[in-house]
Amino acid sequence: MYGRRKDNSTTSSDKNPARVSGGLKGQGVDHLVMVAEDGSESQVPTQRYVQSLEDQVRKQRAAINVLERKLTRVESNISTLESHIRRNQ
């Protein structure tokens, strides 16, 4: 009870991907600056930041798929109701 510690480690799937990427960006660890031999600088996103963006896209695609399935069901229900109405007239 008092002596036990609760494991507070959360996996990345439990976290909101938008907040993760925003947090990385806010901390300034969303990119690395690479300096070439000629002195030019290029910013490269970090692997962790890219992964958080990919998680965000994955979550959005899953939500879109759910909404598309619901829309298909509603459209089929509407067409079924329309056909019943036409028959009963």
PDB file of N, CA and C in Angstrom:
ATOM      1  N   MET A   1       0.816  -1.179   0.000  1.00  0.00           N
ATOM      2  CA  MET A   1       0.000   0.000   0.000  1.00  0.00           C
ATOM      3  C   MET A   1       0.867   1.252   0.000  1.00  0.00           C
ATOM      4  N   TYR A   2       1.516   1.553   1.146  1.00  0.00           N
ATOM      5  CA  TYR A   2       2.330   2.744   1.179  1.00  0.00           C
ATOM      6  C   TYR A   2       3.725   2.488   0.625  1.00  0.00           C
ATOM      7  N   GLY A   3       4.196   1.285   0.764  1.00  0.00           N
ATOM      8  CA  GLY A   3       5.541   0.979   0.320  1.00  0.00           C
ATOM      9  C   GLY A   3       5.646   0.610  -1.149  1.00  0.00           C
ATOM     10  N   ARG A   4       4.530   0.366  -1.769  1.00  0.00           N
ATOM     11  CA  ARG A   4       4.549  -0.032  -3.179  1.00  0.00           C
ATOM     12  C   ARG A   4       4.569   1.187  -4.083  1.00  0.00           C
ATOM     13  N   ARG A   5       5.266   1.020  -5.157  1.00  0.00           N
ATOM     14  CA  ARG A   5       5.294   2.094  -6.144  1.00  0.00           C
ATOM     15  C   ARG A   5       4.472   1.691  -7.337  1.00  0.00           C
ATOM     16  N   LYS A   6       3.726   2.616  -7.811  1.00  0.00           N
ATOM     17  CA  LYS A   6       2.915   2.381  -8.990  1.00  0.00           C
ATOM     18  C   LYS A   6       3.769   2.683 -10.217  1.00  0.00           C
ATOM     19  N   ASP A   7       3.707   1.805 -11.201  1.00  0.00           N
ATOM     20  CA  ASP A   7       4.492   2.002 -12.418  1.00  0.00           C
ATOM     21  C   ASP A   7       3.813   3.066 -13.267  1.00  0.00           C
ATOM     22  N   ASN A   8       4.431   4.239 -13.387  1.00  0.00           N
ATOM     23  CA  ASN A   8       3.856   5.354 -14.133  1.00  0.00           C
ATOM     24  C   ASN A   8       4.357   5.429 -15.568  1.00  0.00           C
ATOM     25  N   SER A   9       5.103   4.425 -15.999  1.00  0.00           N
ATOM     26  CA  SER A   9       5.609   4.476 -17.365  1.00  0.00           C
ATOM     27  C   SER A   9       4.466   4.186 -18.324  1.00  0.00           C
ATOM     28  N   THR A  10       4.265   5.103 -19.260  1.00  0.00           N
ATOM     29  CA  THR A  10       3.214   4.919 -20.252  1.00  0.00           C
ATOM     30  C   THR A  10       3.859   4.665 -21.596  1.00  0.00           C
ATOM     31  N   THR A  11       3.217   3.847 -22.367  1.00  0.00           N
ATOM     32  CA  THR A  11       3.743   3.584 -23.695  1.00  0.00           C
ATOM     33  C   THR A  11       3.376   4.734 -24.611  1.00  0.00           C
ATOM     34  N   SER A  12       4.027   4.790 -25.755  1.00  0.00           N
ATOM     35  CA  SER A  12       3.763   5.887 -26.677  1.00  0.00           C
ATOM     36  C   SER A  12       2.360   5.792 -27.255  1.00  0.00           C
ATOM     37  N   SER A  13       1.761   4.598 -27.262  1.00  0.00           N
ATOM     38  CA  SER A  13       0.414   4.465 -27.792  1.00  0.00           C
ATOM     39  C   SER A  13      -0.618   5.070 -26.848  1.00  0.00           C
ATOM     40  N   ASP A  14      -0.295   5.194 -25.554  1.00  0.00           N
ATOM     41  CA  ASP A  14      -1.221   5.777 -24.595  1.00  0.00           C
ATOM     42  C   ASP A  14      -1.231   7.300 -24.675  1.00  0.00           C
ATOM     43  N   LYS A  15      -0.201   7.872 -25.223  1.00  0.00           N
ATOM     44  CA  LYS A  15      -0.079   9.319 -25.246  1.00  0.00           C
ATOM     45  C   LYS A  15      -0.733   9.903 -26.491  1.00  0.00           C
ATOM     46  N   ASN A  16      -1.198  11.126 -26.367  1.00  0.00           N
ATOM     47  CA  ASN A  16      -1.783  11.829 -27.491  1.00  0.00           C
ATOM     48  C   ASN A  16      -0.653  12.262 -28.427  1.00  0.00           C
ATOM     49  N   PRO A  17      -0.640  11.772 -29.693  1.00  0.00           N
ATOM     50  CA  PRO A  17       0.478  12.089 -30.581  1.00  0.00           C
ATOM     51  C   PRO A  17       0.627  13.568 -30.882  1.00  0.00           C
ATOM     52  N   ALA A  18      -0.475  14.305 -30.895  1.00  0.00           N
ATOM     53  CA  ALA A  18      -0.381  15.744 -31.155  1.00  0.00           C
ATOM     54  C   ALA A  18       0.352  16.448 -30.020  1.00  0.00           C
ATOM     55  N   ARG A  19       0.096  15.996 -28.798  1.00  0.00           N
ATOM     56  CA  ARG A  19       0.774  16.609 -27.651  1.00  0.00           C
ATOM     57  C   ARG A  19       2.247  16.209 -27.598  1.00  0.00           C
ATOM     58  N   VAL A  20       2.539  14.974 -28.017  1.00  0.00           N
ATOM     59  CA  VAL A  20       3.930  14.518 -28.018  1.00  0.00           C
ATOM     60  C   VAL A  20       4.746  15.354 -28.996  1.00  0.00           C
ATOM     61  N   SER A  21       4.231  15.508 -30.236  1.00  0.00           N
ATOM     62  CA  SER A  21       4.983  16.286 -31.219  1.00  0.00           C
ATOM     63  C   SER A  21       5.060  17.749 -30.820  1.00  0.00           C
ATOM     64  N   GLY A  22       3.979  18.265 -30.220  1.00  0.00           N
ATOM     65  CA  GLY A  22       4.022  19.645 -29.749  1.00  0.00           C
ATOM     66  C   GLY A  22       5.027  19.830 -28.628  1.00  0.00           C
ATOM     67  N   GLY A  23       5.108  18.832 -27.758  1.00  0.00           N
ATOM     68  CA  GLY A  23       6.078  18.902 -26.666  1.00  0.00           C
ATOM     69  C   GLY A  23       7.509  18.849 -27.161  1.00  0.00           C
ATOM     70  N   LEU A  24       7.745  17.989 -28.144  1.00  0.00           N
ATOM     71  CA  LEU A  24       9.096  17.910 -28.715  1.00  0.00           C
ATOM     72  C   LEU A  24       9.471  19.219 -29.397  1.00  0.00           C
ATOM     73  N   LYS A  25       8.509  19.793 -30.101  1.00  0.00           N
ATOM     74  CA  LYS A  25       8.766  21.054 -30.789  1.00  0.00           C
ATOM     75  C   LYS A  25       8.993  22.174 -29.781  1.00  0.00           C
ATOM     76  N   GLY A  26       8.206  22.168 -28.704  1.00  0.00           N
ATOM     77  CA  GLY A  26       8.351  23.180 -27.666  1.00  0.00           C
ATOM     78  C   GLY A  26       9.681  23.092 -26.942  1.00  0.00           C
ATOM     79  N   GLN A  27      10.203  21.886 -26.800  1.00  0.00           N
ATOM     80  CA  GLN A  27      11.497  21.702 -26.145  1.00  0.00           C
ATOM     81  C   GLN A  27      12.658  22.020 -27.074  1.00  0.00           C
ATOM     82  N   GLY A  28      12.351  22.147 -28.355  1.00  0.00           N
ATOM     83  CA  GLY A  28      13.406  22.446 -29.320  1.00  0.00           C
ATOM     84  C   GLY A  28      14.178  21.223 -29.758  1.00  0.00           C
ATOM     85  N   VAL A  29      13.638  20.042 -29.546  1.00  0.00           N
ATOM     86  CA  VAL A  29      14.331  18.814 -29.931  1.00  0.00           C
ATOM     87  C   VAL A  29      13.670  18.168 -31.144  1.00  0.00           C
ATOM     88  N   ASP A  30      12.945  18.981 -31.912  1.00  0.00           N
ATOM     89  CA  ASP A  30      12.260  18.442 -33.079  1.00  0.00           C
ATOM     90  C   ASP A  30      13.163  18.386 -34.306  1.00  0.00           C
ATOM     91  N   HIS A  31      14.325  19.025 -34.250  1.00  0.00           N
ATOM     92  CA  HIS A  31      15.228  18.996 -35.397  1.00  0.00           C
ATOM     93  C   HIS A  31      16.684  19.116 -34.944  1.00  0.00           C
ATOM     94  N   LEU A  32      17.559  18.705 -35.830  1.00  0.00           N
ATOM     95  CA  LEU A  32      18.995  18.864 -35.636  1.00  0.00           C
ATOM     96  C   LEU A  32      19.511  19.803 -36.720  1.00  0.00           C
ATOM     97  N   VAL A  33      20.486  20.596 -36.388  1.00  0.00           N
ATOM     98  CA  VAL A  33      21.076  21.487 -37.377  1.00  0.00           C
ATOM     99  C   VAL A  33      22.412  20.887 -37.782  1.00  0.00           C
ATOM    100  N   MET A  34      22.537  20.603 -39.072  1.00  0.00           N
ATOM    101  CA  MET A  34      23.780  20.037 -39.589  1.00  0.00           C
ATOM    102  C   MET A  34      24.489  21.115 -40.396  1.00  0.00           C
ATOM    103  N   VAL A  35      25.792  21.245 -40.142  1.00  0.00           N
ATOM    104  CA  VAL A  35      26.591  22.244 -40.850  1.00  0.00           C
ATOM    105  C   VAL A  35      27.481  21.507 -41.847  1.00  0.00           C
ATOM    106  N   ALA A  36      27.381  21.902 -43.101  1.00  0.00           N
ATOM    107  CA  ALA A  36      28.193  21.288 -44.145  1.00  0.00           C
ATOM    108  C   ALA A  36      29.579  21.923 -44.156  1.00  0.00           C
ATOM    109  N   GLU A  37      30.461  21.347 -44.961  1.00  0.00           N
ATOM    110  CA  GLU A  37      31.833  21.864 -45.035  1.00  0.00           C
ATOM    111  C   GLU A  37      31.884  23.274 -45.584  1.00  0.00           C
ATOM    112  N   ASP A  38      30.929  23.629 -46.438  1.00  0.00           N
ATOM    113  CA  ASP A  38      30.922  24.975 -47.012  1.00  0.00           C
ATOM    114  C   ASP A  38      30.263  25.992 -46.080  1.00  0.00           C
ATOM    115  N   GLY A  39      29.822  25.561 -44.904  1.00  0.00           N
ATOM    116  CA  GLY A  39      29.238  26.468 -43.922  1.00  0.00           C
ATOM    117  C   GLY A  39      27.734  26.587 -44.001  1.00  0.00           C
ATOM    118  N   SER A  40      27.129  25.908 -44.952  1.00  0.00           N
ATOM    119  CA  SER A  40      25.671  25.985 -45.049  1.00  0.00           C
ATOM    120  C   SER A  40      25.035  25.091 -43.985  1.00  0.00           C
ATOM    121  N   GLU A  41      23.914  25.560 -43.463  1.00  0.00           N
ATOM    122  CA  GLU A  41      23.212  24.814 -42.425  1.00  0.00           C
ATOM    123  C   GLU A  41      21.947  24.185 -43.005  1.00  0.00           C
ATOM    124  N   SER A  42      21.654  22.990 -42.553  1.00  0.00           N
ATOM    125  CA  SER A  42      20.396  22.353 -42.937  1.00  0.00           C
ATOM    126  C   SER A  42      19.776  21.740 -41.691  1.00  0.00           C
ATOM    127  N   GLN A  43      18.458  21.893 -41.587  1.00  0.00           N
ATOM    128  CA  GLN A  43      17.750  21.362 -40.444  1.00  0.00           C
ATOM    129  C   GLN A  43      17.151  20.011 -40.818  1.00  0.00           C
ATOM    130  N   VAL A  44      17.428  19.020 -39.989  1.00  0.00           N
ATOM    131  CA  VAL A  44      16.944  17.666 -40.211  1.00  0.00           C
ATOM    132  C   VAL A  44      16.065  17.288 -39.027  1.00  0.00           C
ATOM    133  N   PRO A  45      14.842  16.811 -39.285  1.00  0.00           N
ATOM    134  CA  PRO A  45      13.986  16.423 -38.157  1.00  0.00           C
ATOM    135  C   PRO A  45      14.546  15.198 -37.444  1.00  0.00           C
ATOM    136  N   THR A  46      14.339  15.138 -36.143  1.00  0.00           N
ATOM    137  CA  THR A  46      14.825  13.995 -35.375  1.00  0.00           C
ATOM    138  C   THR A  46      13.911  12.792 -35.601  1.00  0.00           C
ATOM    139  N   GLN A  47      14.457  11.621 -35.360  1.00  0.00           N
ATOM    140  CA  GLN A  47      13.702  10.382 -35.542  1.00  0.00           C
ATOM    141  C   GLN A  47      12.487  10.353 -34.615  1.00  0.00           C
ATOM    142  N   ARG A  48      12.658  10.826 -33.408  1.00  0.00           N
ATOM    143  CA  ARG A  48      11.569  10.822 -32.434  1.00  0.00           C
ATOM    144  C   ARG A  48      10.434  11.738 -32.878  1.00  0.00           C
ATOM    145  N   TYR A  49      10.777  12.900 -33.438  1.00  0.00           N
ATOM    146  CA  TYR A  49       9.767  13.838 -33.916  1.00  0.00           C
ATOM    147  C   TYR A  49       9.016  13.265 -35.112  1.00  0.00           C
ATOM    148  N   VAL A  50       9.744  12.661 -36.035  1.00  0.00           N
ATOM    149  CA  VAL A  50       9.114  12.047 -37.202  1.00  0.00           C
ATOM    150  C   VAL A  50       8.195  10.914 -36.761  1.00  0.00           C
ATOM    151  N   GLN A  51       8.634  10.137 -35.789  1.00  0.00           N
ATOM    152  CA  GLN A  51       7.809   9.042 -35.284  1.00  0.00           C
ATOM    153  C   GLN A  51       6.532   9.576 -34.643  1.00  0.00           C
ATOM    154  N   SER A  52       6.628  10.677 -33.921  1.00  0.00           N
ATOM    155  CA  SER A  52       5.426  11.252 -33.310  1.00  0.00           C
ATOM    156  C   SER A  52       4.466  11.764 -34.378  1.00  0.00           C
ATOM    157  N   LEU A  53       4.996  12.329 -35.460  1.00  0.00           N
ATOM    158  CA  LEU A  53       4.141  12.777 -36.559  1.00  0.00           C
ATOM    159  C   LEU A  53       3.492  11.588 -37.265  1.00  0.00           C
ATOM    160  N   GLU A  54       4.249  10.495 -37.435  1.00  0.00           N
ATOM    161  CA  GLU A  54       3.679   9.294 -38.045  1.00  0.00           C
ATOM    162  C   GLU A  54       2.575   8.707 -37.172  1.00  0.00           C
ATOM    163  N   ASP A  55       2.757   8.742 -35.849  1.00  0.00           N
ATOM    164  CA  ASP A  55       1.715   8.275 -34.937  1.00  0.00           C
ATOM    165  C   ASP A  55       0.469   9.142 -35.054  1.00  0.00           C
ATOM    166  N   GLN A  56       0.695  10.444 -35.208  1.00  0.00           N
ATOM    167  CA  GLN A  56      -0.413  11.371 -35.355  1.00  0.00           C
ATOM    168  C   GLN A  56      -1.193  11.074 -36.643  1.00  0.00           C
ATOM    169  N   VAL A  57      -0.481  10.828 -37.735  1.00  0.00           N
ATOM    170  CA  VAL A  57      -1.127  10.505 -39.004  1.00  0.00           C
ATOM    171  C   VAL A  57      -1.870   9.178 -38.899  1.00  0.00           C
ATOM    172  N   ARG A  58      -1.258   8.194 -38.243  1.00  0.00           N
ATOM    173  CA  ARG A  58      -1.886   6.888 -38.080  1.00  0.00           C
ATOM    174  C   ARG A  58      -3.198   7.008 -37.305  1.00  0.00           C
ATOM    175  N   LYS A  59      -3.181   7.809 -36.250  1.00  0.00           N
ATOM    176  CA  LYS A  59      -4.386   7.997 -35.448  1.00  0.00           C
ATOM    177  C   LYS A  59      -5.474   8.699 -36.256  1.00  0.00           C
ATOM    178  N   GLN A  60      -5.096   9.699 -37.039  1.00  0.00           N
ATOM    179  CA  GLN A  60      -6.070  10.414 -37.869  1.00  0.00           C
ATOM    180  C   GLN A  60      -6.651   9.510 -38.952  1.00  0.00           C
ATOM    181  N   ARG A  61      -5.815   8.669 -39.555  1.00  0.00           N
ATOM    182  CA  ARG A  61      -6.310   7.741 -40.580  1.00  0.00           C
ATOM    183  C   ARG A  61      -7.295   6.740 -39.990  1.00  0.00           C
ATOM    184  N   ALA A  62      -7.017   6.280 -38.775  1.00  0.00           N
ATOM    185  CA  ALA A  62      -7.941   5.353 -38.121  1.00  0.00           C
ATOM    186  C   ALA A  62      -9.284   6.035 -37.867  1.00  0.00           C
ATOM    187  N   ALA A  63      -9.252   7.283 -37.441  1.00  0.00           N
ATOM    188  CA  ALA A  63     -10.493   8.025 -37.211  1.00  0.00           C
ATOM    189  C   ALA A  63     -11.248   8.233 -38.515  1.00  0.00           C
ATOM    190  N   ILE A  64     -10.534   8.527 -39.588  1.00  0.00           N
ATOM    191  CA  ILE A  64     -11.162   8.708 -40.897  1.00  0.00           C
ATOM    192  C   ILE A  64     -11.802   7.407 -41.364  1.00  0.00           C
ATOM    193  N   ASN A  65     -11.124   6.287 -41.170  1.00  0.00           N
ATOM    194  CA  ASN A  65     -11.688   4.993 -41.562  1.00  0.00           C
ATOM    195  C   ASN A  65     -12.984   4.698 -40.820  1.00  0.00           C
ATOM    196  N   VAL A  66     -13.013   4.996 -39.534  1.00  0.00           N
ATOM    197  CA  VAL A  66     -14.225   4.772 -38.743  1.00  0.00           C
ATOM    198  C   VAL A  66     -15.358   5.646 -39.277  1.00  0.00           C
ATOM    199  N   LEU A  67     -15.059   6.909 -39.548  1.00  0.00           N
ATOM    200  CA  LEU A  67     -16.086   7.819 -40.058  1.00  0.00           C
ATOM    201  C   LEU A  67     -16.566   7.405 -41.442  1.00  0.00           C
ATOM    202  N   GLU A  68     -15.651   6.907 -42.281  1.00  0.00           N
ATOM    203  CA  GLU A  68     -16.059   6.451 -43.612  1.00  0.00           C
ATOM    204  C   GLU A  68     -16.981   5.239 -43.515  1.00  0.00           C
ATOM    205  N   ARG A  69     -16.696   4.320 -42.590  1.00  0.00           N
ATOM    206  CA  ARG A  69     -17.571   3.165 -42.405  1.00  0.00           C
ATOM    207  C   ARG A  69     -18.952   3.594 -41.924  1.00  0.00           C
ATOM    208  N   LYS A  70     -18.986   4.538 -40.995  1.00  0.00           N
ATOM    209  CA  LYS A  70     -20.267   5.041 -40.511  1.00  0.00           C
ATOM    210  C   LYS A  70     -21.040   5.730 -41.626  1.00  0.00           C
ATOM    211  N   LEU A  71     -20.354   6.497 -42.451  1.00  0.00           N
ATOM    212  CA  LEU A  71     -20.996   7.181 -43.565  1.00  0.00           C
ATOM    213  C   LEU A  71     -21.568   6.181 -44.562  1.00  0.00           C
ATOM    214  N   THR A  72     -20.823   5.123 -44.836  1.00  0.00           N
ATOM    215  CA  THR A  72     -21.310   4.089 -45.752  1.00  0.00           C
ATOM    216  C   THR A  72     -22.571   3.435 -45.201  1.00  0.00           C
ATOM    217  N   ARG A  73     -22.584   3.152 -43.909  1.00  0.00           N
ATOM    218  CA  ARG A  73     -23.777   2.561 -43.294  1.00  0.00           C
ATOM    219  C   ARG A  73     -24.976   3.491 -43.387  1.00  0.00           C
ATOM    220  N   VAL A  74     -24.756   4.768 -43.111  1.00  0.00           N
ATOM    221  CA  VAL A  74     -25.850   5.731 -43.176  1.00  0.00           C
ATOM    222  C   VAL A  74     -26.370   5.851 -44.603  1.00  0.00           C
ATOM    223  N   GLU A  75     -25.469   5.910 -45.573  1.00  0.00           N
ATOM    224  CA  GLU A  75     -25.883   6.004 -46.971  1.00  0.00           C
ATOM    225  C   GLU A  75     -26.688   4.778 -47.395  1.00  0.00           C
ATOM    226  N   SER A  76     -26.256   3.601 -46.961  1.00  0.00           N
ATOM    227  CA  SER A  76     -27.009   2.397 -47.320  1.00  0.00           C
ATOM    228  C   SER A  76     -28.374   2.376 -46.632  1.00  0.00           C
ATOM    229  N   ASN A  77     -28.437   2.849 -45.394  1.00  0.00           N
ATOM    230  CA  ASN A  77     -29.722   2.940 -44.701  1.00  0.00           C
ATOM    231  C   ASN A  77     -30.658   3.919 -45.396  1.00  0.00           C
ATOM    232  N   ILE A  78     -30.126   5.027 -45.861  1.00  0.00           N
ATOM    233  CA  ILE A  78     -30.935   6.017 -46.574  1.00  0.00           C
ATOM    234  C   ILE A  78     -31.467   5.427 -47.873  1.00  0.00           C
ATOM    235  N   SER A  79     -30.619   4.740 -48.609  1.00  0.00           N
ATOM    236  CA  SER A  79     -31.079   4.161 -49.874  1.00  0.00           C
ATOM    237  C   SER A  79     -32.128   3.069 -49.631  1.00  0.00           C
ATOM    238  N   THR A  80     -31.966   2.314 -48.560  1.00  0.00           N
ATOM    239  CA  THR A  80     -32.962   1.299 -48.210  1.00  0.00           C
ATOM    240  C   THR A  80     -34.298   1.954 -47.861  1.00  0.00           C
ATOM    241  N   LEU A  81     -34.253   3.006 -47.085  1.00  0.00           N
ATOM    242  CA  LEU A  81     -35.479   3.712 -46.717  1.00  0.00           C
ATOM    243  C   LEU A  81     -36.144   4.340 -47.942  1.00  0.00           C
ATOM    244  N   GLU A  82     -35.341   4.902 -48.836  1.00  0.00           N
ATOM    245  CA  GLU A  82     -35.897   5.494 -50.059  1.00  0.00           C
ATOM    246  C   GLU A  82     -36.597   4.435 -50.899  1.00  0.00           C
ATOM    247  N   SER A  83     -35.998   3.258 -50.999  1.00  0.00           N
ATOM    248  CA  SER A  83     -36.619   2.203 -51.795  1.00  0.00           C
ATOM    249  C   SER A  83     -37.925   1.722 -51.147  1.00  0.00           C
ATOM    250  N   HIS A  84     -37.975   1.679 -49.823  1.00  0.00           N
ATOM    251  CA  HIS A  84     -39.209   1.296 -49.126  1.00  0.00           C
ATOM    252  C   HIS A  84     -40.302   2.353 -49.332  1.00  0.00           C
ATOM    253  N   ILE A  85     -39.900   3.610 -49.315  1.00  0.00           N
ATOM    254  CA  ILE A  85     -40.860   4.695 -49.503  1.00  0.00           C
ATOM    255  C   ILE A  85     -41.436   4.627 -50.928  1.00  0.00           C
ATOM    256  N   ARG A  86     -40.581   4.389 -51.916  1.00  0.00           N
ATOM    257  CA  ARG A  86     -41.048   4.311 -53.309  1.00  0.00           C
ATOM    258  C   ARG A  86     -42.028   3.147 -53.510  1.00  0.00           C
ATOM    259  N   ARG A  87     -41.767   2.041 -52.855  1.00  0.00           N
ATOM    260  CA  ARG A  87     -42.648   0.872 -52.987  1.00  0.00           C
ATOM    261  C   ARG A  87     -44.007   1.123 -52.348  1.00  0.00           C
ATOM    262  N   ASN A  88     -44.018   1.860 -51.260  1.00  0.00           N
ATOM    263  CA  ASN A  88     -45.269   2.078 -50.519  1.00  0.00           C
ATOM    264  C   ASN A  88     -46.117   3.217 -51.082  1.00  0.00           C
ATOM    265  N   GLN A  89     -45.618   3.931 -52.056  1.00  0.00           N
ATOM    266  CA  GLN A  89     -46.401   5.042 -52.610  1.00  0.00           C
ATOM    267  C   GLN A  89     -47.358   4.593 -53.625  1.00  0.00           C
TER     268      GLN A  89
END
